[in-house]
Amino acid sequence: MLTIEFRFPTGKWHATPWGRQVNEGAVEWPPAPWRILRALIAVWHQKHHDVPEEAMRELISTLGMALPVYRLPLTSEGHTRHYMPIASHNRTKIFDTFIALSPESPVLVHWPDVTLPDSLRQLLTCLLESMSYLGRAESWVFATLADWSETADAKPLAEASVGPNQELVRLLAPAGLDGYQQWRSQYISDLKSRKLAEKQAHAISKGKSSETAKLTRKDIEQLESSVPVDLFDSLQRDTSDLRKAGWNRPPGSEWIPYVRNKKTEPPRITFRSSQLKPMTAARFAVAGAVRPRLTEALFLAERVRQALIKISDGAEVFIGRDTDSGHSAIAQGHQHAHIFCESNDDPQGRVTQVSLYADIPFDARAERALRALRRTWGRDGHDLQYVLIGLGNPEDFGGVDERKGESPIFAQAATWTSLTPFVPADRLRRQYRLDDPGEVIRCEKDLFRIIRKELSRRSWLQNHASKLTAVGLLPRSSRLGNSRAPVLKFRRERRSGGGRRGNASAFGLTLRFSELVSGPISLGYASHFGLGLFIPEIAVNSHSEEESSSVHSDS
């Protein structure tokens, strides 16, 4: 048996799981077997050049042949937000998420079926004593060999089912060592076939016979060098190089499902100082096998609302009903939660983030529910997972640079354009024929009247009403990936529930204000579920194709 003990003297563990972006707010927990092996190799490279490679290979091979179990301390999740300087004197906002744990409480990693000979045990002791961090560089660590007298509370799922007090996580671990060479041979063979097919297609396009296309020695050498020769080689490859080469996970690795005991004590909640602003916004990253497109924003927002109501046991900010009347009437003033779906920097227009905004602060019950939201079921049986990026206020997330993780719906701008269709809550004066330019102008004036009225109904948008100078119809409603989509592609009616609709019309609009105004701007029917949502025009122009100059709408 072999046991390693890790203690984190700063009380924090920082580690971004493979395949996730650091600003998504995801933390790998517990430390994956793959990460532990890479840490040992890193220490060997940095501090123990005199250790023979053969000894390291034997140690890594021994540890990689079996999966460990864990004994974990009580933890809670936390995060900080700060600006980091980058090139050209710019700044980018960083969400640093971590696991908080006691510096005195160790993480025990135990291999029940591994016994090391004295020479390898001595080598492992030496490497652990020299290890200064595990995970990201700020995760300082004291590591040592230890005894095991505990019961594992995180272990491979194997064939057992997930218990009622357990949760499922997946950890990156070495794949079976025996099968690596067989897998590598087959993989390189497939690469050669694809490369040859490309050359043959190129030859045919030039009017030549496909038989003239052959792989050169240089081609073969490049293909073979792109795949690590063995597990030890794969563990030493730089992460950025693997991602550039298109690997969705390191060669020689596999995702192992683990079951982890749920916390038996509630996480410690740090109450905010009264001098700090109350939190009115939350933002989640969305993950799943098949994420829905933005056209399903209404459906997805309803699922998120149902989940939050269930988790919070009916927090008023999520219900949106007048509690004094027994939840029978819709709350007035639009102060309860709005749920917005975003598709930022996604070429197919799939939902990447979900944000919430309320004109009243989230109370403790609502805040706990937001922190606990993990999953909803989606359409076509594909569950969606949610990772809380942060709780705060709109200005904490707003910006038009989506590649930095900023949210356009919380930005500032003078010109805003539809992200999702606007469905009027009030009736237009009549049905307009939008193939007539004169009718288009009259329709825009009618919509101007309705939009100003809509702005004045919302307390945080009332000041915007006097600054509205023009409303323009768009030929298509929304940015959907790298193009724009007509309103008919969007779901425009709730499955159930109230909400006033003027008629069946829906529009893509541009709103122009006399000065910069702040988002979110969400208007009309089902605006609490993501319809009638606007983003700055500059965010659209940076992504969309060139717009047609003709003016019309779908209705």
Protein backbone atom coordinates (compact mmCIF):
# COMPACT_ATOMS: atom_id res chain seq x y z
CA MET A 1 0.00 0.00 0.00
CA LEU A 2 1.11 3.52 -0.73
CA THR A 3 -0.27 6.82 0.60
CA ILE A 4 0.71 10.42 -0.19
CA GLU A 5 -0.35 13.29 2.03
CA PHE A 6 -0.81 16.83 0.65
CA ARG A 7 -1.27 19.88 2.89
CA PHE A 8 -1.94 23.34 1.47
CA PRO A 9 -0.47 25.98 3.82
CA THR A 10 -2.38 28.91 2.26
CA GLY A 11 -5.70 27.09 2.72
CA LYS A 12 -6.46 27.25 -1.01
CA TRP A 13 -6.31 24.80 -3.91
CA HIS A 14 -6.24 26.25 -7.43
CA ALA A 15 -6.49 23.90 -10.40
CA THR A 16 -8.38 24.28 -13.68
CA PRO A 17 -9.69 20.98 -15.07
CA TRP A 18 -8.46 19.87 -18.48
CA GLY A 19 -10.61 21.31 -21.27
CA ARG A 20 -12.05 24.16 -19.18
CA GLN A 21 -11.28 27.87 -19.38
CA VAL A 22 -9.91 29.51 -16.25
CA ASN A 23 -12.70 32.11 -16.16
CA GLU A 24 -15.42 29.43 -16.16
CA GLY A 25 -15.02 29.09 -12.41
CA ALA A 26 -14.48 25.32 -12.44
CA VAL A 27 -12.04 23.67 -10.00
CA GLU A 28 -10.69 20.14 -10.23
CA TRP A 29 -11.39 18.31 -6.99
CA PRO A 30 -9.85 16.07 -5.80
CA PRO A 31 -6.42 16.31 -7.52
CA ALA A 32 -6.54 14.01 -10.55
CA PRO A 33 -4.10 11.07 -10.85
CA TRP A 34 -2.82 12.53 -14.15
CA ARG A 35 -1.98 15.83 -12.43
CA ILE A 36 -0.11 14.12 -9.59
CA LEU A 37 2.08 12.15 -12.02
CA ARG A 38 2.84 15.30 -14.05
CA ALA A 39 3.78 17.13 -10.84
CA LEU A 40 6.29 14.40 -9.94
CA ILE A 41 7.86 14.58 -13.41
CA ALA A 42 8.03 18.38 -13.19
CA VAL A 43 9.91 18.16 -9.89
CA TRP A 44 12.31 15.66 -11.47
CA HIS A 45 13.03 18.02 -14.37
CA GLN A 46 13.44 21.10 -12.18
CA LYS A 47 15.31 19.83 -9.14
CA HIS A 48 16.65 16.32 -9.59
CA HIS A 49 18.53 16.11 -12.88
CA ASP A 50 20.79 13.45 -11.40
CA VAL A 51 17.98 10.90 -11.11
CA PRO A 52 18.20 8.42 -14.05
CA GLU A 53 15.30 8.47 -16.48
CA GLU A 54 14.85 4.72 -16.12
CA ALA A 55 14.13 5.13 -12.40
CA MET A 56 11.53 7.82 -13.14
CA ARG A 57 9.95 5.68 -15.84
CA GLU A 58 9.64 2.78 -13.40
CA LEU A 59 8.10 4.98 -10.70
CA ILE A 60 5.57 6.60 -13.05
CA SER A 61 4.70 3.26 -14.61
CA THR A 62 4.06 1.72 -11.19
CA LEU A 63 1.85 4.59 -10.00
CA GLY A 64 0.04 4.76 -13.34
CA MET A 65 -1.00 1.12 -13.33
CA ALA A 66 -3.60 1.58 -10.57
CA LEU A 67 -6.21 4.17 -9.66
CA PRO A 68 -5.96 5.78 -6.21
CA VAL A 69 -8.71 6.50 -3.69
CA TYR A 70 -8.94 9.67 -1.60
CA ARG A 71 -9.65 10.88 1.89
CA LEU A 72 -10.75 14.51 1.56
CA PRO A 73 -11.10 17.26 4.19
CA LEU A 74 -14.13 19.50 4.54
CA THR A 75 -14.01 22.20 1.87
CA SER A 76 -15.95 25.09 0.40
CA GLU A 77 -15.63 26.97 -2.86
CA GLY A 78 -14.59 30.59 -3.14
CA HIS A 79 -13.45 33.05 -5.77
CA THR A 80 -11.89 36.47 -6.24
CA ARG A 81 -12.23 38.91 -9.12
CA HIS A 82 -9.43 41.19 -10.13
CA TYR A 83 -7.95 42.92 -13.14
CA MET A 84 -4.72 41.59 -14.61
CA PRO A 85 -2.47 43.77 -16.80
CA ILE A 86 -1.83 42.47 -20.31
CA ALA A 87 0.00 43.80 -23.36
CA SER A 88 -0.59 47.35 -24.66
CA HIS A 89 -1.35 48.63 -21.13
CA ASN A 90 -4.77 46.98 -21.20
CA ARG A 91 -6.42 45.06 -18.41
CA THR A 92 -8.49 41.90 -18.38
CA LYS A 93 -10.77 40.76 -15.60
CA ILE A 94 -9.88 37.41 -14.03
CA PHE A 95 -12.21 35.19 -12.02
CA ASP A 96 -9.99 33.14 -9.73
CA THR A 97 -11.98 30.23 -8.33
CA PHE A 98 -10.50 27.93 -5.69
CA ILE A 99 -11.23 25.27 -3.09
CA ALA A 100 -10.86 26.56 0.47
CA LEU A 101 -9.69 24.06 3.08
CA SER A 102 -7.91 24.09 6.40
CA PRO A 103 -4.09 24.19 6.20
CA GLU A 104 -4.07 21.56 8.96
CA SER A 105 -6.38 19.13 7.14
CA PRO A 106 -4.50 16.87 4.70
CA VAL A 107 -5.64 15.40 1.42
CA LEU A 108 -4.72 11.71 1.44
CA VAL A 109 -4.19 9.89 -1.86
CA HIS A 110 -4.00 6.13 -1.39
CA TRP A 111 -3.04 3.33 -3.82
CA PRO A 112 -4.23 0.16 -2.03
CA ASP A 113 -2.66 -2.22 -4.55
CA VAL A 114 0.70 -0.51 -5.06
CA THR A 115 3.83 -1.42 -3.13
CA LEU A 116 7.10 0.26 -4.03
CA PRO A 117 10.54 -1.30 -3.60
CA ASP A 118 12.85 0.62 -1.28
CA SER A 119 14.70 2.34 -4.12
CA LEU A 120 11.52 3.76 -5.67
CA ARG A 121 10.10 4.62 -2.26
CA GLN A 122 13.23 6.62 -1.52
CA LEU A 123 12.98 8.36 -4.88
CA LEU A 124 9.31 9.24 -4.33
CA THR A 125 10.11 10.62 -0.86
CA CYS A 126 12.80 12.81 -2.34
CA LEU A 127 10.47 14.14 -5.09
CA LEU A 128 7.66 14.88 -2.62
CA GLU A 129 9.95 16.78 -0.28
CA SER A 130 11.03 18.96 -3.22
CA MET A 131 7.50 19.64 -4.45
CA SER A 132 6.54 23.26 -3.83
CA TYR A 133 3.13 23.43 -5.51
CA LEU A 134 0.45 21.17 -6.94
CA GLY A 135 -2.04 22.48 -9.49
CA ARG A 136 -1.53 26.14 -10.32
CA ALA A 137 1.62 27.80 -9.02
CA GLU A 138 -0.22 29.58 -6.20
CA SER A 139 -1.31 26.21 -4.72
CA TRP A 140 1.63 25.85 -2.35
CA VAL A 141 1.89 22.37 -0.93
CA PHE A 142 3.69 20.25 1.63
CA ALA A 143 3.82 16.66 0.36
CA THR A 144 5.04 13.53 2.08
CA LEU A 145 4.45 9.81 2.37
CA ALA A 146 1.95 8.87 5.05
CA ASP A 147 0.16 5.97 6.68
CA TRP A 148 -3.40 5.04 5.77
CA SER A 149 -5.94 4.25 8.45
CA GLU A 150 -8.91 6.06 6.95
CA THR A 151 -11.99 5.21 4.93
CA ALA A 152 -11.99 6.54 1.39
CA ASP A 153 -14.62 9.16 0.61
CA ALA A 154 -13.75 9.50 -3.09
CA LYS A 155 -13.11 6.43 -5.21
CA PRO A 156 -13.61 5.07 -8.73
CA LEU A 157 -17.23 4.40 -9.57
CA ALA A 158 -16.43 0.96 -11.02
CA GLU A 159 -19.68 -0.95 -11.40
CA ALA A 160 -21.37 0.43 -8.30
CA SER A 161 -24.09 3.07 -8.54
CA VAL A 162 -23.96 6.58 -7.09
CA GLY A 163 -25.30 6.58 -3.53
CA PRO A 164 -27.80 9.10 -2.14
CA ASN A 165 -25.06 11.01 -0.29
CA GLN A 166 -22.58 10.87 -3.13
CA GLU A 167 -21.96 12.89 -6.25
CA LEU A 168 -20.30 11.97 -9.53
CA VAL A 169 -17.10 13.67 -10.71
CA ARG A 170 -14.65 12.70 -13.41
CA LEU A 171 -10.87 12.76 -13.10
CA LEU A 172 -8.17 12.51 -15.73
CA ALA A 173 -6.02 9.41 -15.25
CA PRO A 174 -3.52 7.35 -17.28
CA ALA A 175 -5.17 4.83 -19.58
CA GLY A 176 -4.11 1.22 -19.44
CA LEU A 177 -0.38 1.01 -20.09
CA ASP A 178 -0.58 -2.25 -22.04
CA GLY A 179 -2.90 -0.83 -24.64
CA TYR A 180 -1.00 2.37 -25.38
CA GLN A 181 1.25 1.01 -28.13
CA GLN A 182 -1.67 -0.74 -29.82
CA TRP A 183 -3.74 2.43 -29.67
CA ARG A 184 -0.81 4.51 -30.96
CA SER A 185 -0.24 2.22 -33.96
CA GLN A 186 -3.89 2.35 -34.94
CA TYR A 187 -4.07 6.11 -34.44
CA ILE A 188 -1.00 6.79 -36.61
CA SER A 189 -2.39 4.46 -39.26
CA ASP A 190 -5.60 6.51 -39.33
CA LEU A 191 -3.59 9.73 -39.57
CA LYS A 192 -1.67 8.36 -42.56
CA SER A 193 -4.89 7.33 -44.28
CA ARG A 194 -6.40 10.79 -43.84
CA LYS A 195 -3.22 12.49 -45.02
CA LEU A 196 -3.05 10.26 -48.10
CA ALA A 197 -6.72 10.93 -48.88
CA GLU A 198 -6.04 14.68 -48.72
CA LYS A 199 -3.13 14.33 -51.14
CA GLN A 200 -5.18 12.21 -53.51
CA ALA A 201 -8.01 14.73 -53.51
CA HIS A 202 -5.54 17.51 -54.19
CA ALA A 203 -4.02 15.56 -57.10
CA ILE A 204 -7.46 14.97 -58.64
CA SER A 205 -8.31 18.67 -58.33
CA LYS A 206 -5.16 19.39 -60.39
CA GLY A 207 -6.22 16.95 -63.08
CA LYS A 208 -3.76 14.24 -62.07
CA SER A 209 -4.27 10.60 -61.19
CA SER A 210 -4.79 9.82 -57.49
CA GLU A 211 -2.10 7.13 -57.79
CA THR A 212 0.53 9.84 -58.11
CA ALA A 213 -0.14 10.97 -54.54
CA LYS A 214 2.07 9.31 -51.94
CA LEU A 215 3.24 10.04 -48.43
CA THR A 216 6.81 11.25 -48.23
CA ARG A 217 9.26 10.28 -45.54
CA LYS A 218 8.89 13.77 -44.09
CA ASP A 219 5.10 13.36 -43.95
CA ILE A 220 5.43 10.08 -42.07
CA GLU A 221 7.99 11.50 -39.63
CA GLN A 222 5.73 14.49 -38.89
CA LEU A 223 2.71 12.26 -38.25
CA GLU A 224 4.64 9.88 -35.99
CA SER A 225 6.23 12.71 -34.02
CA SER A 226 2.80 14.26 -33.35
CA VAL A 227 1.85 11.29 -31.14
CA PRO A 228 3.89 10.63 -27.95
CA VAL A 229 5.84 7.40 -28.10
CA ASP A 230 4.61 6.24 -24.70
CA LEU A 231 2.83 7.37 -21.54
CA PHE A 232 5.99 8.82 -20.02
CA ASP A 233 6.48 10.96 -23.12
CA SER A 234 2.82 12.06 -23.08
CA LEU A 235 3.05 13.17 -19.45
CA GLN A 236 5.90 15.50 -20.39
CA ARG A 237 4.17 17.20 -23.33
CA ASP A 238 3.30 20.86 -22.84
CA THR A 239 -0.44 21.47 -22.41
CA SER A 240 -0.51 24.37 -24.88
CA ASP A 241 1.21 22.21 -27.54
CA LEU A 242 -1.38 19.45 -27.11
CA ARG A 243 -4.23 21.93 -27.47
CA LYS A 244 -2.67 23.46 -30.58
CA ALA A 245 -2.44 19.97 -32.06
CA GLY A 246 -6.19 19.52 -31.47
CA TRP A 247 -6.11 16.92 -28.70
CA ASN A 248 -9.33 17.02 -26.70
CA ARG A 249 -7.44 15.28 -23.89
CA PRO A 250 -3.79 14.20 -23.51
CA PRO A 251 -2.89 11.05 -25.47
CA GLY A 252 -2.65 8.08 -23.16
CA SER A 253 -5.24 9.49 -20.74
CA GLU A 254 -8.90 8.79 -20.07
CA TRP A 255 -11.70 10.25 -17.99
CA ILE A 256 -12.46 8.08 -14.97
CA PRO A 257 -15.80 8.51 -13.15
CA TYR A 258 -15.34 8.86 -9.41
CA VAL A 259 -17.95 9.04 -6.67
CA ARG A 260 -17.33 11.63 -4.00
CA ASN A 261 -19.16 11.96 -0.70
CA LYS A 262 -21.25 15.09 -0.45
CA LYS A 263 -20.44 17.57 2.26
CA THR A 264 -22.12 16.64 5.51
CA GLU A 265 -21.89 20.19 6.81
CA PRO A 266 -23.12 23.27 4.99
CA PRO A 267 -20.38 25.42 3.46
CA ARG A 268 -19.32 28.39 5.46
CA ILE A 269 -21.09 31.52 4.27
CA THR A 270 -19.28 34.81 4.61
CA PHE A 271 -21.77 37.60 5.02
CA ARG A 272 -21.05 40.75 3.15
CA SER A 273 -20.29 44.00 4.84
CA SER A 274 -23.17 46.45 4.83
CA GLN A 275 -20.84 48.90 3.10
CA LEU A 276 -20.65 46.66 0.05
CA LYS A 277 -23.26 46.85 -2.67
CA PRO A 278 -25.92 44.15 -2.51
CA MET A 279 -25.66 41.59 -5.27
CA THR A 280 -28.19 41.80 -8.08
CA ALA A 281 -26.52 39.79 -10.88
CA ALA A 282 -25.20 36.28 -11.32
CA ARG A 283 -23.49 34.65 -14.27
CA PHE A 284 -23.07 30.97 -15.15
CA ALA A 285 -21.07 29.13 -17.79
CA VAL A 286 -23.11 26.44 -19.55
CA ALA A 287 -21.69 23.03 -20.48
CA GLY A 288 -23.25 19.94 -21.97
CA ALA A 289 -22.94 17.33 -24.69
CA VAL A 290 -25.26 19.38 -26.91
CA ARG A 291 -25.83 22.96 -25.83
CA PRO A 292 -29.05 24.50 -27.21
CA ARG A 293 -28.92 27.32 -29.71
CA LEU A 294 -29.94 30.82 -28.70
CA THR A 295 -33.25 30.30 -30.49
CA GLU A 296 -34.24 28.10 -27.50
CA ALA A 297 -33.46 30.82 -24.96
CA LEU A 298 -37.06 30.97 -23.72
CA PHE A 299 -37.17 27.21 -23.09
CA LEU A 300 -33.81 27.19 -21.28
CA ALA A 301 -34.67 30.20 -19.09
CA GLU A 302 -37.86 28.50 -17.94
CA ARG A 303 -35.86 25.41 -16.95
CA VAL A 304 -33.40 27.52 -14.96
CA ARG A 305 -36.22 29.34 -13.17
CA GLN A 306 -37.92 26.07 -12.20
CA ALA A 307 -34.63 24.70 -10.85
CA LEU A 308 -33.96 27.82 -8.77
CA ILE A 309 -37.49 27.86 -7.36
CA LYS A 310 -37.08 24.22 -6.33
CA ILE A 311 -33.64 24.69 -4.80
CA SER A 312 -34.64 27.86 -2.93
CA ASP A 313 -38.00 26.44 -1.85
CA GLY A 314 -39.79 29.33 -3.47
CA ALA A 315 -37.63 32.43 -3.04
CA GLU A 316 -39.74 35.46 -4.04
CA VAL A 317 -37.11 36.88 -6.36
CA PHE A 318 -37.42 33.79 -8.58
CA ILE A 319 -41.20 33.23 -8.32
CA GLY A 320 -42.22 36.67 -9.57
CA ARG A 321 -45.60 36.44 -7.95
CA ASP A 322 -47.36 38.65 -5.45
CA THR A 323 -46.92 36.63 -2.25
CA ASP A 324 -49.54 38.70 -0.44
CA SER A 325 -52.17 37.30 -2.76
CA GLY A 326 -51.10 33.69 -2.36
CA HIS A 327 -48.88 33.56 -5.46
CA SER A 328 -51.90 34.10 -7.66
CA ALA A 329 -50.98 37.43 -9.25
CA ILE A 330 -47.93 38.45 -11.23
CA ALA A 331 -45.67 40.79 -9.23
CA GLN A 332 -45.71 44.33 -10.49
CA GLY A 333 -42.70 46.52 -11.28
CA HIS A 334 -40.55 43.87 -13.01
CA GLN A 335 -38.17 43.79 -10.03
CA HIS A 336 -37.92 40.01 -9.79
CA ALA A 337 -35.29 37.93 -11.57
CA HIS A 338 -34.66 38.13 -15.30
CA ILE A 339 -32.91 35.11 -16.82
CA PHE A 340 -30.83 35.84 -19.92
CA CYS A 341 -29.19 33.37 -22.28
CA GLU A 342 -26.05 34.51 -24.07
CA SER A 343 -24.12 33.14 -27.03
CA ASN A 344 -20.74 34.78 -26.84
CA ASP A 345 -17.96 34.00 -29.28
CA ASP A 346 -19.69 30.82 -30.42
CA PRO A 347 -19.78 30.39 -34.23
CA GLN A 348 -22.90 28.21 -34.14
CA GLY A 349 -24.88 30.49 -31.88
CA ARG A 350 -25.15 27.99 -29.04
CA VAL A 351 -25.80 29.18 -25.51
CA THR A 352 -22.51 29.74 -23.69
CA GLN A 353 -23.60 31.62 -20.57
CA VAL A 354 -26.75 32.21 -18.55
CA SER A 355 -27.02 35.43 -16.54
CA LEU A 356 -29.55 36.55 -13.96
CA TYR A 357 -30.46 40.09 -13.02
CA ALA A 358 -33.00 41.37 -10.49
CA ASP A 359 -33.84 44.93 -9.55
CA ILE A 360 -33.93 43.83 -5.92
CA PRO A 361 -30.93 42.27 -4.14
CA PHE A 362 -30.61 38.52 -3.87
CA ASP A 363 -31.33 37.56 -0.24
CA ALA A 364 -29.47 34.77 1.59
CA ARG A 365 -31.91 32.11 0.41
CA ALA A 366 -31.66 33.19 -3.22
CA GLU A 367 -27.87 33.42 -2.96
CA ARG A 368 -27.62 29.86 -1.63
CA ALA A 369 -29.81 28.65 -4.48
CA LEU A 370 -27.64 30.38 -7.07
CA ARG A 371 -24.53 28.82 -5.57
CA ALA A 372 -26.21 25.40 -5.57
CA LEU A 373 -27.50 25.45 -9.16
CA ARG A 374 -25.65 22.70 -11.03
CA ARG A 375 -27.87 21.06 -13.62
CA THR A 376 -31.10 21.26 -15.60
CA TRP A 377 -32.46 18.92 -18.19
CA GLY A 378 -32.42 20.20 -21.71
CA ARG A 379 -34.21 19.32 -24.89
CA ASP A 380 -33.56 15.97 -26.61
CA GLY A 381 -32.49 14.41 -23.31
CA HIS A 382 -29.17 16.24 -23.02
CA ASP A 383 -28.61 17.54 -19.50
CA LEU A 384 -26.92 20.90 -19.09
CA GLN A 385 -24.44 21.76 -16.37
CA TYR A 386 -23.96 25.20 -14.86
CA VAL A 387 -20.79 26.61 -13.34
CA LEU A 388 -21.20 29.79 -11.33
CA ILE A 389 -18.78 32.37 -12.72
CA GLY A 390 -19.64 35.02 -10.17
CA LEU A 391 -22.15 36.90 -8.07
CA GLY A 392 -22.09 40.67 -8.12
CA ASN A 393 -23.55 43.56 -10.04
CA PRO A 394 -23.93 44.27 -13.77
CA GLU A 395 -20.83 46.46 -13.87
CA ASP A 396 -18.76 43.51 -12.59
CA PHE A 397 -19.48 41.51 -15.76
CA GLY A 398 -20.22 44.12 -18.43
CA GLY A 399 -18.12 44.72 -21.56
CA VAL A 400 -18.16 44.04 -25.28
CA ASP A 401 -14.99 41.94 -25.51
CA GLU A 402 -16.44 38.45 -25.39
CA ARG A 403 -13.05 36.78 -25.73
CA LYS A 404 -12.12 38.26 -22.35
CA GLY A 405 -15.25 36.74 -20.84
CA GLU A 406 -17.14 40.06 -20.71
CA SER A 407 -20.90 40.14 -21.05
CA PRO A 408 -22.36 42.53 -23.68
CA ILE A 409 -25.80 42.53 -22.06
CA PHE A 410 -24.30 44.30 -19.01
CA ALA A 411 -22.22 46.79 -21.04
CA GLN A 412 -22.69 50.50 -21.73
CA ALA A 413 -23.60 51.89 -25.19
CA ALA A 414 -25.66 54.53 -26.99
CA THR A 415 -26.97 52.14 -29.67
CA TRP A 416 -28.44 48.76 -28.81
CA THR A 417 -29.69 46.02 -31.08
CA SER A 418 -31.82 42.91 -30.58
CA LEU A 419 -30.17 39.73 -29.35
CA THR A 420 -33.57 38.01 -29.13
CA PRO A 421 -36.88 39.12 -30.71
CA PHE A 422 -38.95 41.86 -29.14
CA VAL A 423 -42.61 40.79 -28.68
CA PRO A 424 -44.71 43.84 -27.73
CA ALA A 425 -46.68 43.59 -24.52
CA ASP A 426 -48.99 46.32 -25.86
CA ARG A 427 -50.95 46.30 -29.09
CA LEU A 428 -49.74 48.22 -32.08
CA ARG A 429 -52.23 50.71 -33.42
CA ARG A 430 -52.81 48.49 -36.46
CA GLN A 431 -51.24 45.78 -38.58
CA TYR A 432 -48.57 47.42 -40.76
CA ARG A 433 -47.65 46.34 -44.27
CA LEU A 434 -43.87 46.34 -44.00
CA ASP A 435 -43.22 46.00 -47.70
CA ASP A 436 -44.28 49.66 -47.95
CA PRO A 437 -41.52 52.12 -46.86
CA GLY A 438 -44.13 54.57 -45.61
CA GLU A 439 -45.71 51.89 -43.46
CA VAL A 440 -42.27 51.00 -42.06
CA ILE A 441 -41.83 54.57 -40.84
CA ARG A 442 -45.26 54.58 -39.22
CA CYS A 443 -44.55 51.20 -37.59
CA GLU A 444 -41.27 52.50 -36.16
CA LYS A 445 -43.07 55.49 -34.66
CA ASP A 446 -45.65 53.17 -33.11
CA LEU A 447 -42.89 50.97 -31.71
CA PHE A 448 -41.10 54.06 -30.38
CA ARG A 449 -44.23 54.84 -28.35
CA ILE A 450 -44.42 51.29 -27.01
CA ILE A 451 -40.70 51.07 -26.18
CA ARG A 452 -40.74 54.33 -24.22
CA LYS A 453 -43.71 53.04 -22.28
CA GLU A 454 -41.88 49.76 -21.68
CA LEU A 455 -38.78 51.57 -20.39
CA SER A 456 -40.81 53.64 -17.94
CA ARG A 457 -42.35 50.46 -16.47
CA ARG A 458 -38.99 49.27 -15.16
CA SER A 459 -37.38 51.17 -12.32
CA TRP A 460 -33.78 50.62 -13.49
CA LEU A 461 -34.67 51.70 -17.04
CA GLN A 462 -36.89 54.70 -16.28
CA ASN A 463 -34.07 57.17 -16.88
CA HIS A 464 -33.45 55.57 -20.28
CA ALA A 465 -36.91 56.58 -21.53
CA SER A 466 -36.13 60.29 -21.87
CA LYS A 467 -32.84 59.49 -23.68
CA LEU A 468 -34.45 57.30 -26.36
CA THR A 469 -34.21 59.11 -29.69
CA ALA A 470 -35.12 56.51 -32.33
CA VAL A 471 -36.31 52.94 -32.87
CA GLY A 472 -35.38 51.17 -36.12
CA LEU A 473 -36.57 47.89 -37.58
CA LEU A 474 -33.92 45.29 -38.46
CA PRO A 475 -34.09 42.98 -41.47
CA ARG A 476 -33.33 40.04 -39.23
CA SER A 477 -33.79 39.72 -35.50
CA SER A 478 -30.74 38.40 -33.78
CA ARG A 479 -27.10 37.60 -34.03
CA LEU A 480 -26.89 33.82 -34.16
CA GLY A 481 -23.27 32.75 -34.26
CA ASN A 482 -21.56 34.28 -37.25
CA SER A 483 -24.78 35.45 -38.89
CA ARG A 484 -28.20 36.80 -38.02
CA ALA A 485 -31.45 34.86 -37.82
CA PRO A 486 -35.11 35.76 -38.44
CA VAL A 487 -37.46 36.01 -35.48
CA LEU A 488 -39.42 32.99 -36.73
CA LYS A 489 -36.50 30.76 -35.74
CA PHE A 490 -36.88 31.75 -32.08
CA ARG A 491 -39.24 30.19 -29.59
CA ARG A 492 -41.57 33.09 -28.79
CA GLU A 493 -44.21 31.69 -26.47
CA ARG A 494 -43.94 30.25 -22.99
CA ARG A 495 -45.02 26.69 -22.33
CA SER A 496 -47.13 27.90 -19.42
CA GLY A 497 -47.53 30.88 -17.13
CA GLY A 498 -48.74 34.40 -17.59
CA GLY A 499 -47.44 37.42 -19.41
CA ARG A 500 -49.20 39.95 -21.60
CA ARG A 501 -48.80 39.87 -25.38
CA GLY A 502 -50.04 42.70 -27.59
CA ASN A 503 -50.46 40.39 -30.60
CA ALA A 504 -48.46 37.74 -32.46
CA SER A 505 -45.93 40.22 -33.91
CA ALA A 506 -42.21 40.02 -33.12
CA PHE A 507 -39.47 42.36 -34.25
CA GLY A 508 -35.74 42.84 -34.43
CA LEU A 509 -34.99 46.40 -33.35
CA THR A 510 -32.26 48.98 -32.96
CA LEU A 511 -32.60 51.43 -30.08
CA ARG A 512 -30.72 54.73 -30.23
CA PHE A 513 -30.17 56.86 -27.13
CA SER A 514 -28.83 60.40 -26.81
CA GLU A 515 -26.00 59.20 -24.53
CA LEU A 516 -24.47 56.03 -23.12
CA VAL A 517 -26.89 53.92 -21.12
CA SER A 518 -26.23 50.75 -19.14
CA GLY A 519 -27.66 47.29 -19.61
CA PRO A 520 -29.37 45.01 -19.16
CA ILE A 521 -32.15 46.20 -21.48
CA SER A 522 -34.90 43.62 -21.68
CA LEU A 523 -38.38 44.61 -22.84
CA GLY A 524 -41.75 43.21 -23.85
CA TYR A 525 -43.46 39.85 -23.46
CA ALA A 526 -41.38 37.15 -21.67
CA SER A 527 -38.58 39.62 -21.02
CA HIS A 528 -37.94 37.81 -17.71
CA PHE A 529 -37.13 34.71 -19.77
CA GLY A 530 -34.75 36.21 -22.27
CA LEU A 531 -37.01 37.58 -25.02
CA GLY A 532 -36.65 41.25 -25.97
CA LEU A 533 -32.98 41.28 -24.91
CA PHE A 534 -30.61 43.88 -26.39
CA ILE A 535 -26.82 44.12 -26.71
CA PRO A 536 -24.58 47.01 -27.83
CA GLU A 537 -24.43 47.42 -31.59
CA ILE A 538 -20.62 47.41 -31.48
CA ALA A 539 -20.71 43.84 -30.15
CA VAL A 540 -22.85 42.78 -33.11
CA ASN A 541 -20.74 44.52 -35.74
CA SER A 542 -17.62 42.81 -34.53
CA HIS A 543 -19.08 39.38 -35.32
CA SER A 544 -21.93 39.48 -37.78
CA GLU A 545 -21.89 39.44 -41.52
CA GLU A 546 -22.60 42.64 -43.39
CA GLU A 547 -26.22 43.57 -42.99
CA SER A 548 -28.59 44.15 -45.83
CA SER A 549 -29.67 47.74 -46.25
CA SER A 550 -33.29 46.82 -46.84
CA VAL A 551 -35.67 47.28 -43.93
CA HIS A 552 -38.41 44.86 -43.04
CA SER A 553 -39.48 42.61 -40.15
CA ASP A 554 -41.11 39.23 -39.62
CA SER A 555 -44.38 39.06 -37.83
